[in-house]
Protein backbone atom coordinates (compact mmCIF):
# COMPACT_ATOMS: atom_id res chain seq x y z
CA MET A 1 -14.69 -5.69 -17.08
CA ALA A 2 -13.93 -2.33 -18.23
CA ASN A 3 -15.85 -1.37 -21.35
CA ILE A 4 -13.27 1.89 -22.15
CA LYS A 5 -9.78 1.52 -23.88
CA SER A 6 -7.71 3.44 -21.48
CA GLN A 7 -9.95 2.18 -18.51
CA MET A 8 -8.99 -1.61 -19.74
CA LYS A 9 -5.03 0.00 -20.19
CA ARG A 10 -5.29 1.14 -16.75
CA ASN A 11 -6.08 -2.94 -15.56
CA ARG A 12 -3.06 -4.13 -17.11
CA GLN A 13 -0.93 -1.21 -15.45
CA ASN A 14 -2.24 -1.95 -11.91
CA GLU A 15 -1.52 -5.89 -12.22
CA VAL A 16 1.65 -5.29 -13.78
CA ARG A 17 2.52 -2.54 -10.68
CA ARG A 18 0.55 -5.40 -7.62
CA VAL A 19 2.39 -8.39 -8.91
CA ARG A 20 6.27 -5.96 -8.49
CA ASN A 21 5.06 -4.57 -5.56
CA LYS A 22 3.43 -7.74 -4.50
CA GLY A 23 7.90 -9.49 -4.76
CA VAL A 24 9.18 -6.58 -3.13
CA ARG A 25 7.09 -5.95 -0.41
CA SER A 26 8.15 -10.15 0.78
CA GLU A 27 10.99 -9.72 0.62
CA MET A 28 11.38 -6.72 2.93
CA ARG A 29 9.18 -9.27 5.31
CA THR A 30 11.26 -12.19 4.69
CA ARG A 31 14.32 -9.80 5.36
CA THR A 32 12.70 -8.60 8.61
CA LYS A 33 11.86 -11.82 9.81
CA SER A 34 15.57 -13.18 9.22
CA ALA A 35 16.34 -10.02 11.04
CA LEU A 36 14.21 -11.26 14.22
CA ALA A 37 15.71 -14.40 14.06
CA ALA A 38 19.27 -14.20 14.06
CA ALA A 39 18.83 -11.66 16.68
CA GLU A 40 16.63 -14.58 19.11
CA ALA A 41 19.73 -17.14 18.32
CA GLY A 42 22.39 -14.87 18.91
CA GLU A 43 24.15 -13.87 15.59
CA GLY A 44 25.59 -11.79 13.41
CA SER A 45 22.10 -10.03 14.09
CA SER A 46 23.55 -6.98 13.14
CA GLU A 47 24.35 -7.69 9.03
CA GLU A 48 20.34 -9.00 9.74
CA LEU A 49 19.56 -6.11 10.39
CA ARG A 50 21.49 -4.07 7.88
CA ALA A 51 19.75 -5.76 5.20
CA ALA A 52 16.25 -5.14 6.68
CA ILE A 53 16.15 -1.53 6.56
CA LYS A 54 17.52 -1.20 3.26
CA ARG A 55 15.13 -3.72 1.67
CA ILE A 56 12.19 -1.68 3.86
CA ASP A 57 14.28 1.72 2.45
CA LYS A 58 14.43 0.29 -0.99
CA ALA A 59 10.48 -0.66 -0.78
CA ALA A 60 9.76 3.12 0.26
CA GLN A 61 11.89 4.87 -2.32
CA LYS A 62 9.71 2.37 -4.42
CA GLY A 63 6.26 3.57 -2.50
CA VAL A 64 5.54 0.10 -2.09
CA ILE A 65 5.20 1.52 0.73
CA HIS A 66 4.55 5.09 2.81
CA LYS A 67 8.23 6.74 3.59
CA LYS A 68 6.63 6.76 7.33
CA ASN A 69 5.75 3.72 7.40
CA ALA A 70 9.15 2.49 6.64
CA ALA A 71 10.22 5.10 9.45
CA ARG A 72 7.55 2.93 11.68
CA LYS A 73 8.69 -0.43 10.73
CA LYS A 74 12.65 0.56 11.11
CA SER A 75 11.79 1.77 13.95
CA ARG A 76 9.62 -1.37 16.13
CA LEU A 77 12.33 -3.21 14.05
CA VAL A 78 15.50 -1.91 16.01
CA LYS A 79 13.29 -1.08 19.53
CA ARG A 80 12.39 -5.03 18.97
CA ILE A 81 16.17 -6.51 18.19
CA LYS A 82 17.84 -4.28 20.95
CA GLN A 83 14.99 -5.51 23.50
CA ILE A 84 15.79 -9.44 22.29
CA GLU A 85 19.95 -8.54 23.09
CA ALA A 86 19.39 -7.15 26.11
CA GLY A 87 17.30 -9.88 27.53
CA GLU A 88 19.48 -12.57 26.55
């Protein structure tokens, strides 16, 4: 445990941010999985895909993930959904 006052405050701030980021990251993953599930089921995947992309963009905007990481995730998600839909 830190003895320095500024570090004690920094630890409290980091904990609050960690919990907030965890929620954003979790929501992003959930939306991504639901988009993939909808594509596999063949029902309204475009709506689910839009929601997933929106969550990924939000996470990047808030600084939870890097913007290039967000771009990579979106690219791979769209590519995978197109692959699933073409396979059916």
